[in-house]
Amino acid sequence: MMDKQMFPSIRLHYMGVNRKNRNKGYGKMLLLFALDTCLEISENVGCVFVTLEALEGTVGFKQE
């Protein structure tokens, strides 16, 4: 039987900004706030990575 390793992580799921509030920097602020919160959590529980599930149309925002 194969030995599986487990790594503590945080999964962010479908973050978004309402259409009327897009292109105002809110998405970037939201993501930075979430990552800052993940950093605080990792200091207490030892998370080693963060994943973000996103809709295909929002990929460009994450690549900036």
C-alpha atoms as a PDB file:
ATOM      1  CA  MET A   1       0.000   0.000   0.000  1.00  0.00           C
ATOM      2  CA  MET A   2       1.276   3.460  -0.936  1.00  0.00           C
ATOM      3  CA  ASP A   3       2.030   5.842   1.937  1.00  0.00           C
ATOM      4  CA  LYS A   4       0.082   9.090   1.427  1.00  0.00           C
ATOM      5  CA  GLN A   5       1.415  12.338   2.815  1.00  0.00           C
ATOM      6  CA  MET A   6      -0.979  14.990   4.030  1.00  0.00           C
ATOM      7  CA  PHE A   7      -0.180  18.680   4.140  1.00  0.00           C
ATOM      8  CA  PRO A   8      -2.174  21.232   6.123  1.00  0.00           C
ATOM      9  CA  SER A   9      -3.647  23.777   3.728  1.00  0.00           C
ATOM     10  CA  ILE A  10      -6.315  26.435   3.327  1.00  0.00           C
ATOM     11  CA  ARG A  11      -8.772  26.316   0.443  1.00  0.00           C
ATOM     12  CA  LEU A  12     -10.359  29.568  -0.701  1.00  0.00           C
ATOM     13  CA  HIS A  13     -13.486  28.905  -2.712  1.00  0.00           C
ATOM     14  CA  TYR A  14     -15.036  31.245  -5.280  1.00  0.00           C
ATOM     15  CA  MET A  15     -14.161  34.726  -4.118  1.00  0.00           C
ATOM     16  CA  GLY A  16     -15.693  37.497  -6.184  1.00  0.00           C
ATOM     17  CA  VAL A  17     -16.871  41.063  -6.490  1.00  0.00           C
ATOM     18  CA  ASN A  18     -20.311  42.232  -7.637  1.00  0.00           C
ATOM     19  CA  ARG A  19     -20.327  43.397 -11.295  1.00  0.00           C
ATOM     20  CA  LYS A  20     -21.104  47.021 -10.422  1.00  0.00           C
ATOM     21  CA  ASN A  21     -18.023  47.138  -8.150  1.00  0.00           C
ATOM     22  CA  ARG A  22     -15.495  45.562 -10.526  1.00  0.00           C
ATOM     23  CA  ASN A  23     -12.382  47.343 -11.806  1.00  0.00           C
ATOM     24  CA  LYS A  24     -12.138  49.400  -8.616  1.00  0.00           C
ATOM     25  CA  GLY A  25      -9.450  47.342  -6.891  1.00  0.00           C
ATOM     26  CA  TYR A  26     -11.861  45.567  -4.523  1.00  0.00           C
ATOM     27  CA  GLY A  27     -10.977  42.102  -5.823  1.00  0.00           C
ATOM     28  CA  LYS A  28      -7.286  42.687  -5.226  1.00  0.00           C
ATOM     29  CA  MET A  29      -7.984  44.051  -1.726  1.00  0.00           C
ATOM     30  CA  LEU A  30     -10.214  41.048  -0.977  1.00  0.00           C
ATOM     31  CA  LEU A  31      -7.554  38.588  -2.120  1.00  0.00           C
ATOM     32  CA  LEU A  32      -4.795  40.343  -0.160  1.00  0.00           C
ATOM     33  CA  PHE A  33      -6.985  40.387   2.963  1.00  0.00           C
ATOM     34  CA  ALA A  34      -7.715  36.670   2.549  1.00  0.00           C
ATOM     35  CA  LEU A  35      -4.022  35.858   2.092  1.00  0.00           C
ATOM     36  CA  ASP A  36      -3.117  37.949   5.135  1.00  0.00           C
ATOM     37  CA  THR A  37      -5.706  36.010   7.142  1.00  0.00           C
ATOM     38  CA  CYS A  38      -4.231  32.744   5.815  1.00  0.00           C
ATOM     39  CA  LEU A  39      -0.790  33.861   6.991  1.00  0.00           C
ATOM     40  CA  GLU A  40      -2.133  34.519  10.501  1.00  0.00           C
ATOM     41  CA  ILE A  41      -3.819  31.106  10.548  1.00  0.00           C
ATOM     42  CA  SER A  42      -0.671  29.370   9.298  1.00  0.00           C
ATOM     43  CA  GLU A  43       1.345  30.830  12.178  1.00  0.00           C
ATOM     44  CA  ASN A  44      -0.982  29.032  14.604  1.00  0.00           C
ATOM     45  CA  VAL A  45      -1.651  25.752  12.829  1.00  0.00           C
ATOM     46  CA  GLY A  46       1.237  25.338  10.383  1.00  0.00           C
ATOM     47  CA  CYS A  47      -0.502  25.496   6.994  1.00  0.00           C
ATOM     48  CA  VAL A  48       1.969  25.099   4.175  1.00  0.00           C
ATOM     49  CA  PHE A  49      -0.047  26.231   1.144  1.00  0.00           C
ATOM     50  CA  VAL A  50      -3.215  27.979  -0.025  1.00  0.00           C
ATOM     51  CA  THR A  51      -5.397  27.059  -2.989  1.00  0.00           C
ATOM     52  CA  LEU A  52      -7.987  29.260  -4.671  1.00  0.00           C
ATOM     53  CA  GLU A  53     -10.708  27.767  -6.818  1.00  0.00           C
ATOM     54  CA  ALA A  54     -11.784  30.299  -9.432  1.00  0.00           C
ATOM     55  CA  LEU A  55     -14.118  30.484 -12.387  1.00  0.00           C
ATOM     56  CA  GLU A  56     -12.375  30.316 -15.749  1.00  0.00           C
ATOM     57  CA  GLY A  57     -13.303  33.900 -16.669  1.00  0.00           C
ATOM     58  CA  THR A  58     -11.492  35.337 -13.622  1.00  0.00           C
ATOM     59  CA  VAL A  59      -8.072  33.805 -14.290  1.00  0.00           C
ATOM     60  CA  GLY A  60      -6.677  37.053 -15.752  1.00  0.00           C
ATOM     61  CA  PHE A  61      -7.232  38.861 -12.455  1.00  0.00           C
ATOM     62  CA  LYS A  62      -5.167  36.295 -10.537  1.00  0.00           C
ATOM     63  CA  GLN A  63      -2.264  36.582 -12.998  1.00  0.00           C
ATOM     64  CA  GLU A  64      -1.727  40.328 -12.488  1.00  0.00           C
END
